[in-house]
PDB file of all heavy atoms in Angstrom:
ATOM      1  N   LEU A   1       3.348 -17.623   8.962  1.00  0.00           N
ATOM      2  CA  LEU A   1       2.209 -16.703   8.861  1.00  0.00           C
ATOM      3  C   LEU A   1       2.290 -15.494   9.787  1.00  0.00           C
ATOM      4  O   LEU A   1       1.762 -14.456   9.526  1.00  0.00           O
ATOM      5  CB  LEU A   1       0.937 -17.474   9.224  1.00  0.00           C
ATOM      6  CG  LEU A   1       0.549 -18.578   8.235  1.00  0.00           C
ATOM      7  CD1 LEU A   1      -0.723 -19.267   8.717  1.00  0.00           C
ATOM      8  CD2 LEU A   1       0.292 -17.923   6.901  1.00  0.00           C
ATOM      9  N   TYR A   2       2.999 -15.622  10.933  1.00  0.00           N
ATOM     10  CA  TYR A   2       3.197 -14.493  11.845  1.00  0.00           C
ATOM     11  C   TYR A   2       4.042 -13.386  11.191  1.00  0.00           C
ATOM     12  O   TYR A   2       3.896 -12.224  11.562  1.00  0.00           O
ATOM     13  CB  TYR A   2       3.860 -14.971  13.141  1.00  0.00           C
ATOM     14  CG  TYR A   2       3.005 -15.907  13.974  1.00  0.00           C
ATOM     15  CD1 TYR A   2       3.505 -17.060  14.418  1.00  0.00           C
ATOM     16  CD2 TYR A   2       1.717 -15.483  14.246  1.00  0.00           C
ATOM     17  CE1 TYR A   2       2.661 -17.942  15.146  1.00  0.00           C
ATOM     18  CE2 TYR A   2       0.898 -16.374  14.995  1.00  0.00           C
ATOM     19  CZ  TYR A   2       1.377 -17.560  15.463  1.00  0.00           C
ATOM     20  OH  TYR A   2       0.613 -18.421  16.196  1.00  0.00           O
ATOM     21  N   LEU A   3       4.803 -13.680  10.242  1.00  0.00           N
ATOM     22  CA  LEU A   3       5.612 -12.739   9.427  1.00  0.00           C
ATOM     23  C   LEU A   3       4.890 -12.328   8.151  1.00  0.00           C
ATOM     24  O   LEU A   3       4.882 -11.131   7.819  1.00  0.00           O
ATOM     25  CB  LEU A   3       7.029 -13.325   9.135  1.00  0.00           C
ATOM     26  CG  LEU A   3       7.871 -12.476   8.252  1.00  0.00           C
ATOM     27  CD1 LEU A   3       8.254 -11.242   8.946  1.00  0.00           C
ATOM     28  CD2 LEU A   3       9.099 -13.175   7.763  1.00  0.00           C
ATOM     29  N   LEU A   4       4.306 -13.229   7.453  1.00  0.00           N
ATOM     30  CA  LEU A   4       3.742 -12.975   6.172  1.00  0.00           C
ATOM     31  C   LEU A   4       2.466 -12.156   6.149  1.00  0.00           C
ATOM     32  O   LEU A   4       2.238 -11.327   5.337  1.00  0.00           O
ATOM     33  CB  LEU A   4       3.441 -14.251   5.428  1.00  0.00           C
ATOM     34  CG  LEU A   4       4.718 -14.996   4.958  1.00  0.00           C
ATOM     35  CD1 LEU A   4       4.348 -16.379   4.278  1.00  0.00           C
ATOM     36  CD2 LEU A   4       5.559 -14.193   4.035  1.00  0.00           C
ATOM     37  N   ILE A   5       1.596 -12.350   7.147  1.00  0.00           N
ATOM     38  CA  ILE A   5       0.355 -11.628   7.210  1.00  0.00           C
ATOM     39  C   ILE A   5       0.649 -10.164   7.596  1.00  0.00           C
ATOM     40  O   ILE A   5       0.121  -9.289   6.804  1.00  0.00           O
ATOM     41  CB  ILE A   5      -0.640 -12.251   8.214  1.00  0.00           C
ATOM     42  CG1 ILE A   5      -1.074 -13.589   7.698  1.00  0.00           C
ATOM     43  CG2 ILE A   5      -1.790 -11.287   8.507  1.00  0.00           C
ATOM     44  CD1 ILE A   5      -2.005 -14.371   8.602  1.00  0.00           C
ATOM     45  N   PRO A   6       1.362  -9.803   8.471  1.00  0.00           N
ATOM     46  CA  PRO A   6       1.656  -8.359   8.736  1.00  0.00           C
ATOM     47  C   PRO A   6       2.428  -7.734   7.568  1.00  0.00           C
ATOM     48  O   PRO A   6       2.196  -6.559   7.181  1.00  0.00           O
ATOM     49  CB  PRO A   6       2.471  -8.310   9.986  1.00  0.00           C
ATOM     50  CG  PRO A   6       2.254  -9.565  10.654  1.00  0.00           C
ATOM     51  CD  PRO A   6       1.904 -10.534   9.679  1.00  0.00           C
ATOM     52  N   LEU A   7       3.319  -8.494   6.949  1.00  0.00           N
ATOM     53  CA  LEU A   7       4.099  -8.033   5.822  1.00  0.00           C
ATOM     54  C   LEU A   7       3.185  -7.714   4.666  1.00  0.00           C
ATOM     55  O   LEU A   7       3.293  -6.691   3.970  1.00  0.00           O
ATOM     56  CB  LEU A   7       5.166  -8.973   5.428  1.00  0.00           C
ATOM     57  CG  LEU A   7       6.181  -8.560   4.374  1.00  0.00           C
ATOM     58  CD1 LEU A   7       6.932  -7.352   4.805  1.00  0.00           C
ATOM     59  CD2 LEU A   7       7.057  -9.653   3.970  1.00  0.00           C
ATOM     60  N   SER A   8       2.155  -8.606   4.400  1.00  0.00           N
ATOM     61  CA  SER A   8       1.261  -8.364   3.263  1.00  0.00           C
ATOM     62  C   SER A   8       0.364  -7.162   3.562  1.00  0.00           C
ATOM     63  O   SER A   8       0.014  -6.435   2.647  1.00  0.00           O
ATOM     64  CB  SER A   8       0.464  -9.613   3.055  1.00  0.00           C
ATOM     65  OG  SER A   8      -0.374  -9.906   4.105  1.00  0.00           O
ATOM     66  N   VAL A   9      -0.074  -6.967   4.841  1.00  0.00           N
ATOM     67  CA  VAL A   9      -0.914  -5.838   5.152  1.00  0.00           C
ATOM     68  C   VAL A   9      -0.115  -4.546   4.913  1.00  0.00           C
ATOM     69  O   VAL A   9      -0.691  -3.578   4.382  1.00  0.00           O
ATOM     70  CB  VAL A   9      -1.400  -5.934   6.646  1.00  0.00           C
ATOM     71  CG1 VAL A   9      -2.031  -4.656   7.100  1.00  0.00           C
ATOM     72  CG2 VAL A   9      -2.381  -7.126   6.740  1.00  0.00           C
ATOM     73  N   VAL A  10       1.206  -4.535   5.324  1.00  0.00           N
ATOM     74  CA  VAL A  10       2.000  -3.357   5.051  1.00  0.00           C
ATOM     75  C   VAL A  10       2.154  -3.117   3.492  1.00  0.00           C
ATOM     76  O   VAL A  10       2.030  -1.891   3.116  1.00  0.00           O
ATOM     77  CB  VAL A  10       3.368  -3.536   5.711  1.00  0.00           C
ATOM     78  CG1 VAL A  10       4.375  -2.475   5.269  1.00  0.00           C
ATOM     79  CG2 VAL A  10       3.237  -3.503   7.256  1.00  0.00           C
ATOM     80  N   VAL A  11       2.394  -4.092   2.781  1.00  0.00           N
ATOM     81  CA  VAL A  11       2.462  -3.969   1.310  1.00  0.00           C
ATOM     82  C   VAL A  11       1.222  -3.392   0.656  1.00  0.00           C
ATOM     83  O   VAL A  11       1.248  -2.593  -0.149  1.00  0.00           O
ATOM     84  CB  VAL A  11       2.897  -5.306   0.700  1.00  0.00           C
ATOM     85  CG1 VAL A  11       2.818  -5.261  -0.869  1.00  0.00           C
ATOM     86  CG2 VAL A  11       4.343  -5.656   1.040  1.00  0.00           C
ATOM     87  N   VAL A  12       0.042  -3.863   1.155  1.00  0.00           N
ATOM     88  CA  VAL A  12      -1.227  -3.352   0.670  1.00  0.00           C
ATOM     89  C   VAL A  12      -1.410  -1.900   0.980  1.00  0.00           C
ATOM     90  O   VAL A  12      -1.797  -1.102   0.150  1.00  0.00           O
ATOM     91  CB  VAL A  12      -2.445  -4.177   1.236  1.00  0.00           C
ATOM     92  CG1 VAL A  12      -3.784  -3.515   0.953  1.00  0.00           C
ATOM     93  CG2 VAL A  12      -2.393  -5.583   0.604  1.00  0.00           C
ATOM     94  N   PHE A  13      -1.087  -1.436   2.223  1.00  0.00           N
ATOM     95  CA  PHE A  13      -1.165  -0.077   2.593  1.00  0.00           C
ATOM     96  C   PHE A  13      -0.207   0.826   1.788  1.00  0.00           C
ATOM     97  O   PHE A  13      -0.499   1.933   1.433  1.00  0.00           O
ATOM     98  CB  PHE A  13      -0.943   0.107   4.083  1.00  0.00           C
ATOM     99  CG  PHE A  13      -2.125  -0.211   4.894  1.00  0.00           C
ATOM    100  CD1 PHE A  13      -2.113  -1.205   5.903  1.00  0.00           C
ATOM    101  CD2 PHE A  13      -3.346   0.480   4.724  1.00  0.00           C
ATOM    102  CE1 PHE A  13      -3.235  -1.488   6.648  1.00  0.00           C
ATOM    103  CE2 PHE A  13      -4.480   0.198   5.490  1.00  0.00           C
ATOM    104  CZ  PHE A  13      -4.397  -0.842   6.450  1.00  0.00           C
ATOM    105  N   ILE A  14       1.037   0.248   1.497  1.00  0.00           N
ATOM    106  CA  ILE A  14       1.931   1.055   0.621  1.00  0.00           C
ATOM    107  C   ILE A  14       1.373   1.219  -0.733  1.00  0.00           C
ATOM    108  O   ILE A  14       1.486   2.279  -1.341  1.00  0.00           O
ATOM    109  CB  ILE A  14       3.330   0.340   0.669  1.00  0.00           C
ATOM    110  CG1 ILE A  14       3.949   0.569   2.064  1.00  0.00           C
ATOM    111  CG2 ILE A  14       4.225   0.906  -0.431  1.00  0.00           C
ATOM    112  CD1 ILE A  14       5.264  -0.229   2.222  1.00  0.00           C
ATOM    113  N   ALA A  15       0.850   0.160  -1.288  1.00  0.00           N
ATOM    114  CA  ALA A  15       0.293   0.190  -2.711  1.00  0.00           C
ATOM    115  C   ALA A  15      -0.934   1.192  -2.702  1.00  0.00           C
ATOM    116  O   ALA A  15      -1.074   2.000  -3.653  1.00  0.00           O
ATOM    117  CB  ALA A  15      -0.241  -1.182  -3.095  1.00  0.00           C
ATOM    118  N   LEU A  16      -1.793   1.174  -1.647  1.00  0.00           N
ATOM    119  CA  LEU A  16      -2.860   2.170  -1.646  1.00  0.00           C
ATOM    120  C   LEU A  16      -2.335   3.576  -1.490  1.00  0.00           C
ATOM    121  O   LEU A  16      -2.914   4.505  -2.142  1.00  0.00           O
ATOM    122  CB  LEU A  16      -3.777   1.816  -0.478  1.00  0.00           C
ATOM    123  CG  LEU A  16      -4.683   0.606  -0.646  1.00  0.00           C
ATOM    124  CD1 LEU A  16      -5.459   0.278   0.670  1.00  0.00           C
ATOM    125  CD2 LEU A  16      -5.697   0.835  -1.781  1.00  0.00           C
ATOM    126  N   TRP A  17      -1.366   3.801  -0.678  1.00  0.00           N
ATOM    127  CA  TRP A  17      -0.787   5.150  -0.547  1.00  0.00           C
ATOM    128  C   TRP A  17      -0.222   5.597  -1.857  1.00  0.00           C
ATOM    129  O   TRP A  17      -0.404   6.783  -2.259  1.00  0.00           O
ATOM    130  CB  TRP A  17       0.338   5.088   0.498  1.00  0.00           C
ATOM    131  CG  TRP A  17       0.970   6.443   0.664  1.00  0.00           C
ATOM    132  CD1 TRP A  17       0.541   7.518   1.325  1.00  0.00           C
ATOM    133  CD2 TRP A  17       2.282   6.786   0.144  1.00  0.00           C
ATOM    134  NE1 TRP A  17       1.390   8.539   1.197  1.00  0.00           N
ATOM    135  CE2 TRP A  17       2.539   8.104   0.525  1.00  0.00           C
ATOM    136  CE3 TRP A  17       3.253   6.097  -0.565  1.00  0.00           C
ATOM    137  CZ2 TRP A  17       3.659   8.751   0.158  1.00  0.00           C
ATOM    138  CZ3 TRP A  17       4.426   6.808  -0.910  1.00  0.00           C
ATOM    139  CH2 TRP A  17       4.590   8.130  -0.539  1.00  0.00           C
ATOM    140  N   VAL A  18       0.497   4.694  -2.591  1.00  0.00           N
ATOM    141  CA  VAL A  18       1.066   5.176  -3.960  1.00  0.00           C
ATOM    142  C   VAL A  18      -0.057   5.511  -4.857  1.00  0.00           C
ATOM    143  O   VAL A  18       0.042   6.478  -5.583  1.00  0.00           O
ATOM    144  CB  VAL A  18       2.003   4.018  -4.489  1.00  0.00           C
ATOM    145  CG1 VAL A  18       2.330   4.277  -5.933  1.00  0.00           C
ATOM    146  CG2 VAL A  18       3.263   3.855  -3.635  1.00  0.00           C
ATOM    147  N   TYR A  19      -1.088   4.717  -4.932  1.00  0.00           N
ATOM    148  CA  TYR A  19      -2.267   4.963  -5.855  1.00  0.00           C
ATOM    149  C   TYR A  19      -2.876   6.293  -5.474  1.00  0.00           C
ATOM    150  O   TYR A  19      -3.193   7.036  -6.416  1.00  0.00           O
ATOM    151  CB  TYR A  19      -3.257   3.826  -5.692  1.00  0.00           C
ATOM    152  CG  TYR A  19      -4.560   4.089  -6.497  1.00  0.00           C
ATOM    153  CD1 TYR A  19      -4.546   4.059  -7.896  1.00  0.00           C
ATOM    154  CD2 TYR A  19      -5.645   4.539  -5.831  1.00  0.00           C
ATOM    155  CE1 TYR A  19      -5.688   4.331  -8.579  1.00  0.00           C
ATOM    156  CE2 TYR A  19      -6.835   4.804  -6.520  1.00  0.00           C
ATOM    157  CZ  TYR A  19      -6.852   4.737  -7.861  1.00  0.00           C
ATOM    158  OH  TYR A  19      -7.967   5.047  -8.593  1.00  0.00           O
ATOM    159  N   PHE A  20      -3.219   6.510  -4.246  1.00  0.00           N
ATOM    160  CA  PHE A  20      -3.912   7.699  -3.903  1.00  0.00           C
ATOM    161  C   PHE A  20      -3.019   8.971  -4.064  1.00  0.00           C
ATOM    162  O   PHE A  20      -3.498  10.053  -4.386  1.00  0.00           O
ATOM    163  CB  PHE A  20      -4.497   7.702  -2.498  1.00  0.00           C
ATOM    164  CG  PHE A  20      -5.726   6.818  -2.409  1.00  0.00           C
ATOM    165  CD1 PHE A  20      -5.723   5.634  -1.711  1.00  0.00           C
ATOM    166  CD2 PHE A  20      -6.888   7.159  -3.102  1.00  0.00           C
ATOM    167  CE1 PHE A  20      -6.908   4.829  -1.662  1.00  0.00           C
ATOM    168  CE2 PHE A  20      -8.028   6.407  -3.106  1.00  0.00           C
ATOM    169  CZ  PHE A  20      -8.034   5.243  -2.343  1.00  0.00           C
ATOM    170  N   THR A  21      -1.705   8.808  -3.841  1.00  0.00           N
ATOM    171  CA  THR A  21      -0.788   9.882  -4.077  1.00  0.00           C
ATOM    172  C   THR A  21      -0.789  10.232  -5.579  1.00  0.00           C
ATOM    173  O   THR A  21      -0.802  11.396  -5.930  1.00  0.00           O
ATOM    174  CB  THR A  21       0.624   9.539  -3.651  1.00  0.00           C
ATOM    175  OG1 THR A  21       0.570   9.256  -2.138  1.00  0.00           O
ATOM    176  CG2 THR A  21       1.581  10.709  -3.790  1.00  0.00           C
ATOM    177  N   ALA A  22      -0.729   9.294  -6.363  1.00  0.00           N
ATOM    178  CA  ALA A  22      -0.787   9.529  -7.876  1.00  0.00           C
ATOM    179  C   ALA A  22      -2.044  10.104  -8.304  1.00  0.00           C
ATOM    180  O   ALA A  22      -2.125  10.989  -9.172  1.00  0.00           O
ATOM    181  CB  ALA A  22      -0.459   8.260  -8.601  1.00  0.00           C
ATOM    182  N   SER A  23      -3.117   9.704  -7.679  1.00  0.00           N
ATOM    183  CA  SER A  23      -4.471  10.218  -8.040  1.00  0.00           C
ATOM    184  C   SER A  23      -4.636  11.671  -7.595  1.00  0.00           C
ATOM    185  O   SER A  23      -5.165  12.472  -8.360  1.00  0.00           O
ATOM    186  CB  SER A  23      -5.526   9.342  -7.353  1.00  0.00           C
ATOM    187  OG  SER A  23      -6.763   9.799  -7.661  1.00  0.00           O
ATOM    188  N   ASP A  24      -4.064  11.926  -6.460  1.00  0.00           N
ATOM    189  CA  ASP A  24      -4.181  13.386  -5.929  1.00  0.00           C
ATOM    190  C   ASP A  24      -3.350  14.311  -6.798  1.00  0.00           C
ATOM    191  O   ASP A  24      -3.638  15.521  -6.899  1.00  0.00           O
ATOM    192  CB  ASP A  24      -3.801  13.436  -4.503  1.00  0.00           C
ATOM    193  CG  ASP A  24      -4.854  12.860  -3.586  1.00  0.00           C
ATOM    194  OD1 ASP A  24      -6.023  12.702  -4.059  1.00  0.00           O
ATOM    195  OD2 ASP A  24      -4.530  12.567  -2.463  1.00  0.00           O
ATOM    196  N   SER A  25      -2.279  13.802  -7.375  1.00  0.00           N
ATOM    197  CA  SER A  25      -1.357  14.669  -8.074  1.00  0.00           C
ATOM    198  C   SER A  25      -1.803  14.919  -9.495  1.00  0.00           C
ATOM    199  O   SER A  25      -1.118  15.559 -10.306  1.00  0.00           O
ATOM    200  CB  SER A  25       0.066  14.095  -8.082  1.00  0.00           C
ATOM    201  OG  SER A  25       0.186  12.968  -8.828  1.00  0.00           O
ATOM    202  N   GLY A  26      -2.858  14.193  -9.956  1.00  0.00           N
ATOM    203  CA  GLY A  26      -3.453  14.415 -11.288  1.00  0.00           C
ATOM    204  C   GLY A  26      -2.854  13.421 -12.351  1.00  0.00           C
ATOM    205  O   GLY A  26      -3.009  13.684 -13.495  1.00  0.00           O
ATOM    206  N   GLN A  27      -2.268  12.335 -11.906  1.00  0.00           N
ATOM    207  CA  GLN A  27      -1.714  11.388 -12.826  1.00  0.00           C
ATOM    208  C   GLN A  27      -2.794  10.759 -13.674  1.00  0.00           C
ATOM    209  O   GLN A  27      -2.492  10.427 -14.871  1.00  0.00           O
ATOM    210  CB  GLN A  27      -0.998  10.294 -11.977  1.00  0.00           C
ATOM    211  CG  GLN A  27      -0.291   9.266 -12.831  1.00  0.00           C
ATOM    212  CD  GLN A  27       0.925   9.720 -13.398  1.00  0.00           C
ATOM    213  OE1 GLN A  27       1.630  10.614 -12.847  1.00  0.00           O
ATOM    214  NE2 GLN A  27       1.379   9.184 -14.570  1.00  0.00           N
TER     215      GLN A  27
END
């Protein structure tokens, strides 16, 4: 859990960054 919880938080932030980048570019 000490590895999986921070890793999942990083994956969620990456997914949100990809979504908002696509949204800002007019996708």
